[in-house]
Amino acid sequence: MEQFITQNQKQTQGLARILAREILKYKKVYHGRSRRALVFGLIGNLGAGKTTFIQAFAKGIGIKARLTSPTFVLMKKYGNLYHIDCYRIKNYKDILVLDFQEIVFNPKNIIMIEWAERVRKILPKDTIWIKFDIVGKMSRKIKIL
């Protein structure tokens, strides 16, 4: 487990860009060896920084488009990055209508899921969990589990 404290939004974005660079290195080294997408489960209260983190992560892997939260459409795709928001999900099976299993079994994909605890039952065992805690007005504790 890694734990970070960020003092403001810029630091949270910086941490996401660092993670993105490391993921790109990882995917380059393990290209062709993985059978699945990299799945990140983001957990935290409203306003904890999950969407901000994903937006900066996307920029860090080279996505030029401006990401917006998919709260009402559940999922948005940007190249091989899938941004899923499970805030409105009532039953974990609801995510299956998004062809979730097909997306997970493409090793080129990176999947970032907000409110992932709501669909934990269907996430791969090797999901990388990122927990966001509000520790001050602008400060966040971010744990990579």
Protein backbone atom coordinates (compact mmCIF):
# COMPACT_ATOMS: atom_id res chain seq x y z
CA MET A 1 0.00 0.00 0.00
CA GLU A 2 1.20 3.46 -0.90
CA GLN A 3 -0.23 6.54 0.78
CA PHE A 4 0.03 10.16 -0.32
CA ILE A 5 -1.23 13.44 1.09
CA THR A 6 -1.95 16.13 -1.46
CA GLN A 7 -2.47 19.70 -0.32
CA ASN A 8 -4.39 20.95 -3.36
CA GLN A 9 -5.91 19.99 -6.68
CA LYS A 10 -2.63 20.54 -8.57
CA GLN A 11 -0.84 18.03 -6.35
CA THR A 12 -3.64 15.50 -6.83
CA GLN A 13 -3.36 15.98 -10.58
CA GLY A 14 0.42 15.62 -10.39
CA LEU A 15 0.10 12.33 -8.54
CA ALA A 16 -2.30 11.06 -11.22
CA ARG A 17 0.12 12.02 -13.99
CA ILE A 18 2.96 10.18 -12.22
CA LEU A 19 0.78 7.07 -11.95
CA ALA A 20 -0.11 7.39 -15.64
CA ARG A 21 3.57 7.48 -16.63
CA GLU A 22 4.27 4.40 -14.52
CA ILE A 23 1.32 2.57 -16.07
CA LEU A 24 2.56 3.38 -19.56
CA LYS A 25 6.00 1.95 -18.64
CA TYR A 26 4.33 -1.14 -17.18
CA LYS A 27 2.19 -1.71 -20.27
CA LYS A 28 5.26 -1.35 -22.50
CA VAL A 29 7.22 -3.94 -20.50
CA TYR A 30 4.33 -6.39 -20.15
CA HIS A 31 2.82 -5.82 -23.60
CA GLY A 32 1.28 -9.05 -24.83
CA ARG A 33 1.67 -10.88 -21.50
CA SER A 34 -1.54 -9.67 -19.91
CA ARG A 35 -4.90 -11.20 -20.71
CA ARG A 36 -6.94 -8.41 -19.20
CA ALA A 37 -7.33 -4.69 -18.97
CA LEU A 38 -5.82 -2.78 -16.07
CA VAL A 39 -8.73 -1.98 -13.78
CA PHE A 40 -8.65 0.78 -11.17
CA GLY A 41 -11.37 1.00 -8.55
CA LEU A 42 -11.68 4.50 -7.08
CA ILE A 43 -13.38 4.92 -3.72
CA GLY A 44 -14.23 8.14 -1.89
CA ASN A 45 -16.97 10.54 -0.93
CA LEU A 46 -18.41 13.15 -3.26
CA GLY A 47 -15.84 15.87 -3.82
CA ALA A 48 -12.90 13.71 -2.75
CA GLY A 49 -11.06 14.12 -6.06
CA LYS A 50 -11.84 10.96 -8.02
CA THR A 51 -12.87 12.70 -11.25
CA THR A 52 -10.03 15.22 -10.98
CA PHE A 53 -7.60 12.32 -10.58
CA ILE A 54 -8.98 10.49 -13.63
CA GLN A 55 -8.87 13.64 -15.77
CA ALA A 56 -5.18 14.15 -14.97
CA PHE A 57 -4.44 10.44 -15.42
CA ALA A 58 -5.98 10.61 -18.90
CA LYS A 59 -3.78 13.57 -19.82
CA GLY A 60 -0.80 11.64 -18.45
CA ILE A 61 -1.41 8.76 -20.85
CA GLY A 62 -1.77 11.15 -23.77
CA ILE A 63 -5.51 11.66 -24.10
CA LYS A 64 -6.18 15.14 -25.45
CA ALA A 65 -9.97 15.20 -24.98
CA ARG A 66 -11.45 16.91 -21.94
CA LEU A 67 -12.94 14.25 -19.70
CA THR A 68 -16.25 14.88 -18.02
CA SER A 69 -17.86 12.70 -15.39
CA PRO A 70 -20.06 9.96 -16.86
CA THR A 71 -22.44 10.01 -13.87
CA PHE A 72 -25.58 10.01 -16.02
CA VAL A 73 -24.36 7.93 -18.96
CA LEU A 74 -22.36 5.54 -16.72
CA MET A 75 -19.42 5.15 -19.11
CA LYS A 76 -17.33 7.20 -21.50
CA LYS A 77 -14.60 5.87 -23.75
CA TYR A 78 -11.46 7.80 -24.72
CA GLY A 79 -9.32 5.58 -26.94
CA ASN A 80 -8.48 2.59 -24.76
CA LEU A 81 -9.38 4.40 -21.54
CA TYR A 82 -12.80 3.67 -20.10
CA HIS A 83 -14.17 5.99 -17.43
CA ILE A 84 -17.07 4.43 -15.56
CA ASP A 85 -19.07 6.08 -12.78
CA CYS A 86 -21.13 3.70 -10.64
CA TYR A 87 -22.67 6.35 -8.39
CA ARG A 88 -26.16 5.63 -9.73
CA ILE A 89 -25.71 1.84 -9.89
CA LYS A 90 -28.08 0.01 -7.57
CA ASN A 91 -27.10 -3.56 -8.45
CA TYR A 92 -23.64 -4.64 -9.55
CA LYS A 93 -25.21 -6.55 -12.47
CA ASP A 94 -26.33 -3.23 -13.98
CA ILE A 95 -22.79 -2.61 -15.20
CA LEU A 96 -22.88 -5.75 -17.35
CA VAL A 97 -25.13 -4.00 -19.92
CA LEU A 98 -22.09 -1.87 -20.81
CA ASP A 99 -20.33 -4.95 -22.27
CA PHE A 100 -18.13 -4.73 -19.20
CA GLN A 101 -16.79 -8.30 -19.46
CA GLU A 102 -15.72 -7.71 -23.06
CA ILE A 103 -13.97 -4.46 -22.08
CA VAL A 104 -12.16 -6.16 -19.17
CA PHE A 105 -10.83 -8.95 -21.36
CA ASN A 106 -9.05 -6.59 -23.76
CA PRO A 107 -5.48 -6.18 -22.43
CA LYS A 108 -5.09 -2.87 -24.31
CA ASN A 109 -7.74 -1.22 -22.12
CA ILE A 110 -7.39 0.79 -18.94
CA ILE A 111 -10.58 1.05 -16.90
CA MET A 112 -11.07 3.70 -14.23
CA ILE A 113 -14.19 3.12 -12.11
CA GLU A 114 -15.57 5.69 -9.69
CA TRP A 115 -17.69 4.32 -6.83
CA ALA A 116 -16.17 0.92 -7.63
CA GLU A 117 -17.19 -0.53 -4.27
CA ARG A 118 -20.72 -0.75 -5.67
CA VAL A 119 -19.62 -3.29 -8.30
CA ARG A 120 -16.83 -4.99 -6.35
CA LYS A 121 -18.39 -8.45 -6.89
CA ILE A 122 -17.69 -8.42 -10.62
CA LEU A 123 -14.30 -6.69 -10.65
CA PRO A 124 -11.16 -8.72 -11.33
CA LYS A 125 -9.25 -9.86 -8.24
CA ASP A 126 -6.22 -7.84 -9.39
CA THR A 127 -8.15 -4.55 -9.48
CA ILE A 128 -5.96 -1.71 -8.20
CA TRP A 129 -7.91 0.15 -5.54
CA ILE A 130 -7.39 3.87 -4.95
CA LYS A 131 -9.05 5.35 -1.87
CA PHE A 132 -9.62 9.10 -1.52
CA ASP A 133 -10.21 10.70 1.87
CA ILE A 134 -10.90 14.39 2.47
CA VAL A 135 -8.55 15.50 5.25
CA GLY A 136 -8.92 19.27 4.88
CA LYS A 137 -10.60 21.86 2.71
CA MET A 138 -8.20 21.14 -0.16
CA SER A 139 -6.13 18.26 1.30
CA ARG A 140 -6.64 14.64 0.30
CA LYS A 141 -5.23 11.38 1.55
CA ILE A 142 -4.85 9.04 -1.40
CA LYS A 143 -4.09 5.39 -0.77
CA ILE A 144 -3.16 2.98 -3.55
CA LEU A 145 -4.06 -0.45 -2.26
